[in-house]
Amino acid sequence: MQITYFQRKPYDFHYSIEKLFDTIRTYLPEEIRFSVVTCPYHSLGITTRIKNILFAYRNKGEINHITGDIHYLSLSLPVTNTINTFHDFTFLRTSNKLKYAFLKLFWVTIPVKRSSIVTVISETTKRELIQLTGCAEEKIKVIPNIIPSHFVPVPKQFNSHKPIILHIGTTPNKNTERLFEAIKNIHCQLLIVGKLSKEHQDLLQKYDIDYTNYFKISEEQLTSLYQQCDILSFCSLNEGFGMPILEAQATGRPVVTSNISSMPEVAGEGACYVNPFDVNDIRKGILSVINDDTYRETLITNGLKNTKRFQPKEVAAQYVAIYEEISNSIK
């Protein structure tokens, strides 16, 4: 069996999909041969995307797996032996109706129709895909993301005097502004990963928050921030998955996250859940983790147990089952 993995040409500091499948491939059985085909052009503009489509046609294999983002490659690949993996649909959140229609057609509707099997990383993403395309449920397989192996438990004495709160991401769905308001007057230090807007900076100054901002950091630096922090705040408004939850749990840190979208599915019993639209509820959740030692330790213990569901070996086996299903169908 030969698998051809198609992956995008990544930008600096945007290579999470590539890392995911790099790890999964190390757990494939020896009898599965594979090649990794990286698109020669960034996915920008019509011309470069057409070139990527033609490139995919020239490099198609026995079983083709589009690992994410560049779903439009499906236009040149055979339906019977192509898999598309969808991570989320944040790229469709635009007020431009023409852009939305274009992206939906070439990144979602056509790729789904031109796939033998579609995989998604959460039940939330599955529901959204069905809503967008009307795709039959049996065509969609839910296979979660994995936790990178370098995220391991690192015990730390909780800083109850001035806890360090880690916040990952500053895009609109990350709910950054409500977090700022929620922690005003809480004696803490905030570590923010992501580019801050002028509005963000003004709010931080207004609420007199002690913070440090990190932007375009390496994987090693990010891992270090998880180890430094006392709490992860991930009160997002919507997510296709929510990797920071698992990264914090694997490090042995308590998580405060949203009670909506994919977050409960990913975090299991290892998180304090809050209403992300309610500033007071976010504040209440963070304070409960700070002030209740027993509750905090329970979250950490449950979080570590939860991470066992997302180990590379188990996830790789689910992909192998799909490859075997397609291989048998095309014989």
Protein backbone atom coordinates (compact mmCIF):
# COMPACT_ATOMS: atom_id res chain seq x y z
CA MET A 1 0.00 0.00 0.00
CA GLN A 2 1.38 3.40 -1.02
CA ILE A 3 0.11 6.67 0.50
CA THR A 4 0.87 10.04 -1.08
CA TYR A 5 0.50 12.86 1.43
CA PHE A 6 -0.18 16.27 -0.09
CA GLN A 7 0.71 19.19 2.15
CA ARG A 8 0.72 22.95 1.69
CA LYS A 9 3.83 25.03 1.38
CA PRO A 10 3.85 26.35 4.96
CA TYR A 11 4.54 29.85 6.15
CA ASP A 12 6.97 30.55 8.96
CA PHE A 13 5.40 29.67 12.32
CA HIS A 14 2.34 28.15 10.61
CA TYR A 15 3.17 24.48 10.32
CA SER A 16 0.88 22.72 12.81
CA ILE A 17 -0.70 20.48 10.15
CA GLU A 18 2.71 19.42 8.88
CA LYS A 19 3.92 18.59 12.40
CA LEU A 20 0.77 16.57 13.05
CA PHE A 21 1.23 14.27 10.09
CA ASP A 22 5.00 14.07 10.48
CA THR A 23 4.35 12.46 13.86
CA ILE A 24 1.52 10.23 12.64
CA ARG A 25 3.69 8.84 9.85
CA THR A 26 6.29 7.63 12.35
CA TYR A 27 3.62 5.31 13.78
CA LEU A 28 2.51 3.76 10.49
CA PRO A 29 3.16 0.01 10.05
CA GLU A 30 6.25 -0.93 8.06
CA GLU A 31 4.16 -2.42 5.24
CA ILE A 32 2.69 1.01 4.45
CA ARG A 33 4.94 2.96 2.12
CA PHE A 34 4.46 6.68 1.76
CA SER A 35 5.74 9.82 0.10
CA VAL A 36 5.24 13.43 1.16
CA VAL A 37 4.47 15.90 -1.61
CA THR A 38 4.71 19.58 -0.67
CA CYS A 39 3.03 22.10 -2.96
CA PRO A 40 5.60 24.28 -4.73
CA TYR A 41 3.61 27.49 -4.22
CA HIS A 42 1.92 29.23 -1.31
CA SER A 43 -1.85 29.14 -1.60
CA LEU A 44 -2.24 32.72 -2.79
CA GLY A 45 -3.93 33.92 -5.96
CA ILE A 46 -5.54 32.03 -8.83
CA THR A 47 -2.39 31.35 -10.87
CA THR A 48 -0.36 29.73 -8.10
CA ARG A 49 -3.31 27.60 -7.04
CA ILE A 50 -3.80 26.34 -10.59
CA LYS A 51 -0.10 25.46 -10.66
CA ASN A 52 -0.54 23.56 -7.37
CA ILE A 53 -3.52 21.67 -8.84
CA LEU A 54 -1.51 20.63 -11.90
CA PHE A 55 1.40 19.68 -9.64
CA ALA A 56 -0.91 17.43 -7.63
CA TYR A 57 -2.15 15.73 -10.81
CA ARG A 58 1.42 14.94 -11.86
CA ASN A 59 2.21 13.50 -8.43
CA LYS A 60 -0.98 11.54 -7.67
CA GLY A 61 -0.48 8.13 -6.09
CA GLU A 62 -2.20 4.89 -5.19
CA ILE A 63 -3.97 6.57 -2.25
CA ASN A 64 -3.93 10.37 -2.02
CA HIS A 65 -4.31 12.13 1.33
CA ILE A 66 -4.75 15.92 1.36
CA THR A 67 -3.72 16.74 4.91
CA GLY A 68 -5.45 20.10 5.21
CA ASP A 69 -5.88 23.65 3.92
CA ILE A 70 -5.21 22.93 0.22
CA HIS A 71 -8.46 21.03 -0.37
CA TYR A 72 -8.79 22.49 -3.87
CA LEU A 73 -6.15 19.97 -5.03
CA SER A 74 -9.07 17.52 -5.19
CA LEU A 75 -9.93 19.03 -8.58
CA SER A 76 -7.13 17.03 -10.20
CA LEU A 77 -7.13 13.85 -8.08
CA PRO A 78 -9.24 10.69 -8.58
CA VAL A 79 -12.37 10.51 -6.44
CA THR A 80 -12.02 6.81 -5.62
CA ASN A 81 -8.69 7.04 -3.81
CA THR A 82 -8.58 10.55 -2.33
CA ILE A 83 -8.93 11.52 1.34
CA ASN A 84 -9.44 15.08 2.57
CA THR A 85 -8.78 16.08 6.18
CA PHE A 86 -10.63 19.18 7.40
CA HIS A 87 -9.39 20.89 10.55
CA ASP A 88 -11.84 23.79 10.80
CA PHE A 89 -13.79 26.26 8.72
CA THR A 90 -12.54 29.56 10.11
CA PHE A 91 -11.51 30.56 6.59
CA LEU A 92 -15.22 30.86 5.74
CA ARG A 93 -15.83 33.52 8.38
CA THR A 94 -15.89 36.54 6.10
CA SER A 95 -18.44 39.27 5.46
CA ASN A 96 -17.55 39.27 1.74
CA LYS A 97 -20.30 37.16 0.14
CA LEU A 98 -18.41 36.59 -3.11
CA LYS A 99 -15.30 35.44 -1.25
CA TYR A 100 -17.40 33.17 0.95
CA ALA A 101 -19.08 31.55 -2.06
CA PHE A 102 -15.72 31.03 -3.80
CA LEU A 103 -14.04 29.50 -0.75
CA LYS A 104 -17.00 27.29 0.09
CA LEU A 105 -17.18 25.93 -3.47
CA PHE A 106 -13.49 25.18 -4.05
CA TRP A 107 -12.34 24.47 -0.47
CA VAL A 108 -15.36 22.55 0.84
CA THR A 109 -18.17 21.55 -1.53
CA ILE A 110 -16.14 20.24 -4.48
CA PRO A 111 -13.41 18.62 -2.33
CA VAL A 112 -16.03 16.73 -0.30
CA LYS A 113 -17.70 15.46 -3.48
CA ARG A 114 -14.33 14.49 -4.94
CA SER A 115 -13.22 12.49 -1.89
CA SER A 116 -13.76 8.83 -1.16
CA ILE A 117 -13.54 9.54 2.57
CA VAL A 118 -13.43 12.80 4.52
CA THR A 119 -11.82 13.04 7.94
CA VAL A 120 -12.40 15.77 10.52
CA ILE A 121 -10.71 16.39 13.84
CA SER A 122 -13.80 16.74 16.04
CA GLU A 123 -17.54 16.10 16.20
CA THR A 124 -17.98 19.87 16.10
CA THR A 125 -16.19 20.07 12.75
CA LYS A 126 -18.23 17.11 11.51
CA ARG A 127 -21.52 18.83 12.34
CA GLU A 128 -20.35 22.01 10.64
CA LEU A 129 -19.28 20.10 7.52
CA ILE A 130 -22.66 18.37 7.27
CA GLN A 131 -24.40 21.71 7.69
CA LEU A 132 -22.26 23.26 4.94
CA THR A 133 -22.48 20.46 2.38
CA GLY A 134 -25.17 17.96 3.33
CA CYS A 135 -22.49 15.27 3.20
CA ALA A 136 -23.62 11.81 4.33
CA GLU A 137 -22.46 11.01 7.86
CA GLU A 138 -21.01 7.66 6.86
CA LYS A 139 -18.55 9.39 4.53
CA ILE A 140 -17.06 11.39 7.42
CA LYS A 141 -14.66 9.89 9.95
CA VAL A 142 -13.75 11.74 13.15
CA ILE A 143 -10.06 11.32 13.94
CA PRO A 144 -8.67 13.67 16.60
CA ASN A 145 -5.40 15.52 16.61
CA ILE A 146 -2.46 14.21 18.60
CA ILE A 147 -0.38 15.68 21.37
CA PRO A 148 3.22 16.33 20.26
CA SER A 149 5.62 14.11 22.18
CA HIS A 150 7.59 17.01 23.68
CA PHE A 151 4.61 18.02 25.84
CA VAL A 152 5.21 16.04 29.01
CA PRO A 153 4.29 16.57 32.68
CA VAL A 154 6.50 19.18 34.32
CA PRO A 155 5.48 19.63 37.98
CA LYS A 156 5.38 23.20 39.26
CA GLN A 157 4.58 24.78 42.60
CA PHE A 158 1.41 26.79 42.03
CA ASN A 159 1.99 30.52 42.51
CA SER A 160 -1.07 31.41 44.56
CA HIS A 161 0.30 34.89 45.32
CA LYS A 162 0.59 35.93 41.66
CA PRO A 163 -0.38 33.12 39.29
CA ILE A 164 0.86 33.16 35.71
CA ILE A 165 -2.00 32.83 33.22
CA LEU A 166 -1.18 31.74 29.67
CA HIS A 167 -3.43 32.83 26.80
CA ILE A 168 -2.89 31.40 23.30
CA GLY A 169 -4.08 33.33 20.24
CA THR A 170 -5.35 36.85 19.56
CA THR A 171 -7.65 36.36 16.57
CA PRO A 172 -11.29 37.41 17.12
CA ASN A 173 -12.48 33.90 18.02
CA LYS A 174 -9.95 33.73 20.88
CA ASN A 175 -12.12 36.10 22.96
CA THR A 176 -9.08 38.04 24.13
CA GLU A 177 -10.92 41.24 25.08
CA ARG A 178 -13.29 39.46 27.48
CA LEU A 179 -10.36 37.72 29.16
CA PHE A 180 -8.68 41.07 29.75
CA GLU A 181 -11.82 42.41 31.39
CA ALA A 182 -12.29 39.21 33.42
CA ILE A 183 -8.84 39.34 35.03
CA LYS A 184 -8.73 43.04 35.80
CA ASN A 185 -8.08 43.46 39.52
CA ILE A 186 -6.88 39.84 39.79
CA HIS A 187 -3.29 39.86 41.00
CA CYS A 188 -1.68 37.83 38.21
CA GLN A 189 0.72 37.91 35.29
CA LEU A 190 -0.63 37.31 31.80
CA LEU A 191 1.44 35.68 29.05
CA ILE A 192 -0.10 36.33 25.63
CA VAL A 193 0.93 34.39 22.52
CA GLY A 194 -0.14 36.19 19.35
CA LYS A 195 0.04 39.61 17.74
CA LEU A 196 -1.62 42.32 19.82
CA SER A 197 -3.72 44.98 18.11
CA LYS A 198 -3.77 48.61 19.18
CA GLU A 199 -7.15 47.94 20.81
CA HIS A 200 -5.65 45.05 22.78
CA GLN A 201 -2.80 47.21 24.01
CA ASP A 202 -5.18 49.98 25.03
CA LEU A 203 -7.30 47.55 27.06
CA LEU A 204 -4.26 46.08 28.79
CA GLN A 205 -3.20 49.57 29.80
CA LYS A 206 -6.73 50.53 30.84
CA TYR A 207 -7.07 47.48 33.10
CA ASP A 208 -3.49 47.82 34.39
CA ILE A 209 -2.66 44.20 33.56
CA ASP A 210 0.87 42.91 34.05
CA TYR A 211 1.55 41.11 30.78
CA THR A 212 4.23 39.84 28.43
CA ASN A 213 3.53 39.39 24.73
CA TYR A 214 5.10 36.72 22.52
CA PHE A 215 4.76 36.67 18.75
CA LYS A 216 6.24 34.32 16.16
CA ILE A 217 7.89 32.09 18.72
CA SER A 218 9.45 28.68 18.20
CA GLU A 219 7.94 25.40 19.35
CA GLU A 220 10.60 25.23 22.07
CA GLN A 221 9.62 28.67 23.35
CA LEU A 222 5.94 27.74 23.36
CA THR A 223 6.65 24.56 25.30
CA SER A 224 8.59 26.62 27.82
CA LEU A 225 5.63 28.99 28.30
CA TYR A 226 3.35 26.07 29.17
CA GLN A 227 5.90 24.98 31.75
CA GLN A 228 6.18 28.48 33.21
CA CYS A 229 2.45 29.11 33.54
CA ASP A 230 0.11 28.18 36.39
CA ILE A 231 -3.14 28.23 34.39
CA LEU A 232 -4.13 28.06 30.73
CA SER A 233 -7.01 30.33 29.78
CA PHE A 234 -8.62 29.20 26.54
CA CYS A 235 -12.09 30.75 26.59
CA SER A 236 -12.52 30.72 22.83
CA LEU A 237 -15.78 31.47 21.02
CA ASN A 238 -15.32 28.69 18.48
CA GLU A 239 -12.68 26.12 17.59
CA GLY A 240 -12.31 23.23 15.19
CA PHE A 241 -10.39 21.42 17.92
CA GLY A 242 -8.42 23.31 20.57
CA MET A 243 -4.85 22.01 20.77
CA PRO A 244 -3.75 24.37 23.58
CA ILE A 245 -6.11 22.49 25.90
CA LEU A 246 -4.26 19.22 25.38
CA GLU A 247 -0.83 20.84 25.43
CA ALA A 248 -1.58 22.36 28.84
CA GLN A 249 -3.09 19.14 30.19
CA ALA A 250 -0.08 17.14 29.00
CA THR A 251 2.22 19.60 30.79
CA GLY A 252 0.21 19.21 34.00
CA ARG A 253 -1.51 22.60 34.07
CA PRO A 254 -5.15 23.37 34.96
CA VAL A 255 -7.30 24.61 32.09
CA VAL A 256 -10.11 27.16 32.04
CA THR A 257 -12.02 26.85 28.78
CA SER A 258 -15.36 27.41 27.07
CA ASN A 259 -18.44 25.25 27.54
CA ILE A 260 -19.28 25.46 23.81
CA SER A 261 -17.99 24.33 20.40
CA SER A 262 -15.33 21.59 20.44
CA MET A 263 -13.80 22.51 23.80
CA PRO A 264 -15.80 20.11 26.05
CA GLU A 265 -15.25 17.29 23.55
CA VAL A 266 -11.49 17.82 23.66
CA ALA A 267 -10.97 18.71 27.34
CA GLY A 268 -13.15 15.98 28.83
CA GLU A 269 -13.26 16.15 32.62
CA GLY A 270 -9.93 17.96 32.80
CA ALA A 271 -11.09 21.58 32.60
CA CYS A 272 -13.04 24.29 34.37
CA TYR A 273 -15.83 25.25 31.97
CA VAL A 274 -17.13 28.79 31.63
CA ASN A 275 -19.54 30.72 29.43
CA PRO A 276 -17.16 32.57 27.07
CA PHE A 277 -19.71 35.33 26.45
CA ASP A 278 -19.99 36.12 30.18
CA VAL A 279 -17.06 38.08 31.61
CA ASN A 280 -18.17 37.39 35.18
CA ASP A 281 -18.31 33.65 34.54
CA ILE A 282 -14.79 33.68 33.07
CA ARG A 283 -13.58 35.56 36.13
CA LYS A 284 -15.38 33.16 38.47
CA GLY A 285 -13.78 30.15 36.75
CA ILE A 286 -10.26 31.57 36.95
CA LEU A 287 -10.69 32.49 40.62
CA SER A 288 -12.00 29.01 41.46
CA VAL A 289 -8.83 27.48 40.01
CA ILE A 290 -6.65 29.98 41.87
CA ASN A 291 -8.36 29.68 45.25
CA ASP A 292 -9.40 26.01 45.49
CA ASP A 293 -6.34 23.77 45.80
CA THR A 294 -8.31 20.51 45.75
CA TYR A 295 -10.31 21.50 42.67
CA ARG A 296 -7.15 22.61 40.88
CA GLU A 297 -5.37 19.31 41.57
CA THR A 298 -8.42 17.37 40.38
CA LEU A 299 -8.36 19.27 37.10
CA ILE A 300 -4.67 18.49 36.63
CA THR A 301 -5.17 14.78 37.37
CA ASN A 302 -8.18 14.49 35.08
CA GLY A 303 -6.38 16.44 32.38
CA LEU A 304 -3.44 14.03 32.37
CA LYS A 305 -5.85 11.10 32.12
CA ASN A 306 -7.67 12.80 29.26
CA THR A 307 -4.52 13.11 27.15
CA LYS A 308 -4.32 9.34 26.78
CA ARG A 309 -7.09 9.56 24.16
CA PHE A 310 -4.84 11.60 21.89
CA GLN A 311 -1.65 9.55 21.74
CA PRO A 312 -0.03 9.22 18.27
CA LYS A 313 -0.16 5.41 18.13
CA GLU A 314 -3.93 5.29 18.64
CA VAL A 315 -4.61 8.11 16.16
CA ALA A 316 -2.31 6.61 13.52
CA ALA A 317 -4.19 3.31 13.77
CA GLN A 318 -7.42 5.12 12.88
CA TYR A 319 -5.84 6.52 9.72
CA VAL A 320 -4.47 3.08 8.82
CA ALA A 321 -8.00 1.67 9.01
CA ILE A 322 -9.14 4.26 6.46
CA TYR A 323 -6.23 3.56 4.13
CA GLU A 324 -7.05 -0.15 4.26
CA GLU A 325 -10.72 0.56 3.54
CA ILE A 326 -9.84 2.55 0.41
CA SER A 327 -7.18 0.06 -0.67
CA ASN A 328 -9.69 -2.79 -0.50
CA SER A 329 -12.30 -0.79 -2.41
CA ILE A 330 -10.02 -0.06 -5.38
CA LYS A 331 -8.61 -3.55 -5.84
